C-alpha atoms as a PDB file:
ATOM      1  CA  MET A   1      77.237-112.819   3.261  1.00  0.00           C
ATOM      2  CA  GLN A   2      78.534-116.314   2.676  1.00  0.00           C
ATOM      3  CA  GLU A   3      79.394-116.670   6.375  1.00  0.00           C
ATOM      4  CA  GLU A   4      75.790-115.783   7.283  1.00  0.00           C
ATOM      5  CA  LEU A   5      74.423-118.337   4.812  1.00  0.00           C
ATOM      6  CA  ASN A   6      76.851-120.957   6.128  1.00  0.00           C
ATOM      7  CA  GLN A   7      75.501-120.352   9.667  1.00  0.00           C
ATOM      8  CA  PHE A   8      72.002-121.190   8.413  1.00  0.00           C
ATOM      9  CA  GLU A   9      73.299-124.369   6.818  1.00  0.00           C
ATOM     10  CA  ARG A  10      75.284-125.495   9.896  1.00  0.00           C
ATOM     11  CA  SER A  11      72.398-124.762  12.260  1.00  0.00           C
ATOM     12  CA  LYS A  12      69.873-126.608  10.071  1.00  0.00           C
ATOM     13  CA  VAL A  13      67.227-123.952  10.672  1.00  0.00           C
ATOM     14  CA  TRP A  14      65.694-123.959   7.195  1.00  0.00           C
ATOM     15  CA  HIS A  15      64.978-126.129   4.225  1.00  0.00           C
ATOM     16  CA  LEU A  16      64.085-125.379   0.631  1.00  0.00           C
ATOM     17  CA  VAL A  17      60.447-125.946  -0.391  1.00  0.00           C
ATOM     18  CA  GLN A  18      58.332-125.266  -3.436  1.00  0.00           C
ATOM     19  CA  LYS A  19      56.419-121.977  -3.386  1.00  0.00           C
ATOM     20  CA  SER A  20      52.809-122.555  -2.387  1.00  0.00           C
ATOM     21  CA  LYS A  21      49.971-120.310  -3.580  1.00  0.00           C
ATOM     22  CA  ASN A  22      48.066-120.538  -0.292  1.00  0.00           C
ATOM     23  CA  ARG A  23      51.002-119.368   1.882  1.00  0.00           C
ATOM     24  CA  THR A  24      52.205-115.842   2.582  1.00  0.00           C
ATOM     25  CA  VAL A  25      55.848-115.486   1.588  1.00  0.00           C
ATOM     26  CA  ILE A  26      57.832-112.736   3.284  1.00  0.00           C
ATOM     27  CA  GLY A  27      60.750-111.089   1.489  1.00  0.00           C
ATOM     28  CA  THR A  28      64.262-110.688   2.839  1.00  0.00           C
ATOM     29  CA  ARG A  29      67.049-108.211   2.317  1.00  0.00           C
ATOM     30  CA  TRP A  30      70.681-107.866   3.289  1.00  0.00           C
ATOM     31  CA  ALA A  31      71.632-105.397   6.042  1.00  0.00           C
ATOM     32  CA  PHE A  32      75.286-104.341   5.978  1.00  0.00           C
ATOM     33  CA  GLY A  33      77.371-102.746   8.709  1.00  0.00           C
ATOM     34  CA  ASN A  34      80.891-102.372  10.027  1.00  0.00           C
ATOM     35  CA  LYS A  35      82.312-103.510  13.349  1.00  0.00           C
ATOM     36  CA  LEU A  36      84.563-100.850  14.880  1.00  0.00           C
ATOM     37  CA  ASP A  37      87.350-100.993  17.442  1.00  0.00           C
ATOM     38  CA  GLU A  38      87.969 -98.480  20.259  1.00  0.00           C
ATOM     39  CA  GLN A  39      89.594 -96.001  17.848  1.00  0.00           C
ATOM     40  CA  ALA A  40      86.647 -96.236  15.407  1.00  0.00           C
ATOM     41  CA  ASN A  41      88.699 -98.206  12.871  1.00  0.00           C
ATOM     42  CA  ILE A  42      86.791-100.772  10.840  1.00  0.00           C
ATOM     43  CA  THR A  43      87.785-104.239  12.032  1.00  0.00           C
ATOM     44  CA  ARG A  44      85.172-106.329  10.245  1.00  0.00           C
ATOM     45  CA  ASN A  45      82.419-106.003   7.675  1.00  0.00           C
ATOM     46  CA  LYS A  46      79.104-107.520   8.747  1.00  0.00           C
ATOM     47  CA  ALA A  47      76.149-108.764   6.725  1.00  0.00           C
ATOM     48  CA  ARG A  48      72.817-109.978   8.104  1.00  0.00           C
ATOM     49  CA  LEU A  49      69.915-111.462   6.196  1.00  0.00           C
ATOM     50  CA  VAL A  50      66.770-109.879   7.653  1.00  0.00           C
ATOM     51  CA  VAL A  51      63.063-110.300   7.008  1.00  0.00           C
ATOM     52  CA  GLN A  52      61.242-107.359   5.446  1.00  0.00           C
ATOM     53  CA  GLY A  53      58.745-106.676   8.218  1.00  0.00           C
ATOM     54  CA  TYR A  54      56.813-104.107   6.210  1.00  0.00           C
ATOM     55  CA  ASN A  55      55.379-106.957   4.110  1.00  0.00           C
ATOM     56  CA  GLN A  56      53.525-108.273   7.154  1.00  0.00           C
ATOM     57  CA  GLU A  57      50.050-107.189   8.233  1.00  0.00           C
ATOM     58  CA  GLU A  58      49.073-106.905  11.896  1.00  0.00           C
ATOM     59  CA  ASP A  59      46.777-109.687  13.175  1.00  0.00           C
ATOM     60  CA  ILE A  60      47.368-111.643   9.963  1.00  0.00           C
ATOM     61  CA  ASP A  61      51.066-112.416   9.520  1.00  0.00           C
ATOM     62  CA  TYR A  62      52.543-111.806  12.959  1.00  0.00           C
ATOM     63  CA  GLU A  63      51.844-111.449  16.654  1.00  0.00           C
ATOM     64  CA  GLU A  64      55.153-110.332  18.154  1.00  0.00           C
ATOM     65  CA  THR A  65      58.432-108.820  16.999  1.00  0.00           C
ATOM     66  CA  PHE A  66      61.756-110.005  18.388  1.00  0.00           C
ATOM     67  CA  SER A  67      65.176-108.421  18.381  1.00  0.00           C
ATOM     68  CA  HIS A  68      68.436-109.960  19.555  1.00  0.00           C
ATOM     69  CA  VAL A  69      69.677-106.592  20.881  1.00  0.00           C
ATOM     70  CA  ALA A  70      69.817-106.284  24.678  1.00  0.00           C
ATOM     71  CA  ARG A  71      68.488-103.113  26.298  1.00  0.00           C
ATOM     72  CA  MET A  72      70.977-101.077  28.315  1.00  0.00           C
ATOM     73  CA  GLU A  73      68.758-101.330  31.427  1.00  0.00           C
ATOM     74  CA  ALA A  74      68.859-105.130  31.259  1.00  0.00           C
ATOM     75  CA  ILE A  75      72.638-105.108  30.938  1.00  0.00           C
ATOM     76  CA  ARG A  76      72.981-102.789  33.952  1.00  0.00           C
ATOM     77  CA  VAL A  77      70.741-104.998  36.101  1.00  0.00           C
ATOM     78  CA  PHE A  78      72.691-108.066  35.038  1.00  0.00           C
ATOM     79  CA  ILE A  79      76.051-106.469  35.871  1.00  0.00           C
ATOM     80  CA  ALA A  80      74.759-105.192  39.241  1.00  0.00           C
ATOM     81  CA  PHE A  81      73.422-108.650  40.123  1.00  0.00           C
ATOM     82  CA  ALA A  82      76.682-110.318  39.055  1.00  0.00           C
ATOM     83  CA  ALA A  83      78.699-107.863  41.167  1.00  0.00           C
ATOM     84  CA  HIS A  84      76.430-108.450  44.174  1.00  0.00           C
ATOM     85  CA  MET A  85      76.770-112.233  43.830  1.00  0.00           C
ATOM     86  CA  GLU A  86      80.520-111.912  43.103  1.00  0.00           C
ATOM     87  CA  PHE A  87      80.181-113.694  39.756  1.00  0.00           C
ATOM     88  CA  THR A  88      82.927-113.497  37.157  1.00  0.00           C
ATOM     89  CA  LEU A  89      81.687-112.003  33.882  1.00  0.00           C
ATOM     90  CA  TYR A  90      83.102-112.735  30.449  1.00  0.00           C
ATOM     91  CA  GLN A  91      82.418-110.915  27.192  1.00  0.00           C
ATOM     92  CA  LEU A  92      80.641-112.926  24.535  1.00  0.00           C
ATOM     93  CA  ASP A  93      79.830-112.005  20.953  1.00  0.00           C
ATOM     94  CA  VAL A  94      76.738-113.962  19.901  1.00  0.00           C
ATOM     95  CA  LYS A  95      76.292-114.647  16.207  1.00  0.00           C
ATOM     96  CA  ASN A  96      72.869-115.520  14.880  1.00  0.00           C
ATOM     97  CA  ALA A  97      71.123-115.355  18.252  1.00  0.00           C
ATOM     98  CA  PHE A  98      67.724-115.615  16.569  1.00  0.00           C
ATOM     99  CA  LEU A  99      68.608-119.085  15.325  1.00  0.00           C
ATOM    100  CA  ASN A 100      68.419-120.395  18.880  1.00  0.00           C
ATOM    101  CA  GLY A 101      64.692-119.749  19.239  1.00  0.00           C
ATOM    102  CA  TYR A 102      61.842-122.072  18.347  1.00  0.00           C
ATOM    103  CA  LEU A 103      58.794-120.970  16.366  1.00  0.00           C
ATOM    104  CA  LYS A 104      55.346-122.491  16.778  1.00  0.00           C
ATOM    105  CA  GLU A 105      54.365-121.730  13.190  1.00  0.00           C
ATOM    106  CA  GLU A 106      55.997-122.140   9.809  1.00  0.00           C
ATOM    107  CA  VAL A 107      57.475-119.018   8.235  1.00  0.00           C
ATOM    108  CA  PHE A 108      58.070-118.816   4.492  1.00  0.00           C
ATOM    109  CA  VAL A 109      60.663-116.342   3.215  1.00  0.00           C
ATOM    110  CA  LYS A 110      62.233-115.732  -0.156  1.00  0.00           C
END
């Protein structure tokens, strides 16, 4: 959990503000999981701070939902294209991919 919070701090993606009565504040919760190796042994515990989407109302609090998980079809197309172009592929584990995006509006979470 501390590693996740440190990523926020290093990336400078948030700042602390006073709670405003005229703003919708969305809750957060911790999502826990385990990273497994090829033999299904736990190699690392993971923690992600996620926004509670069920607090949002359609056409009021959000327009689109984003996920940093790639679809298998997209991965297959990418690998096929790389093979066709004779590119060298490397594995990459992206942490906090959502921190690389830019929002047009302010989002308040607690």
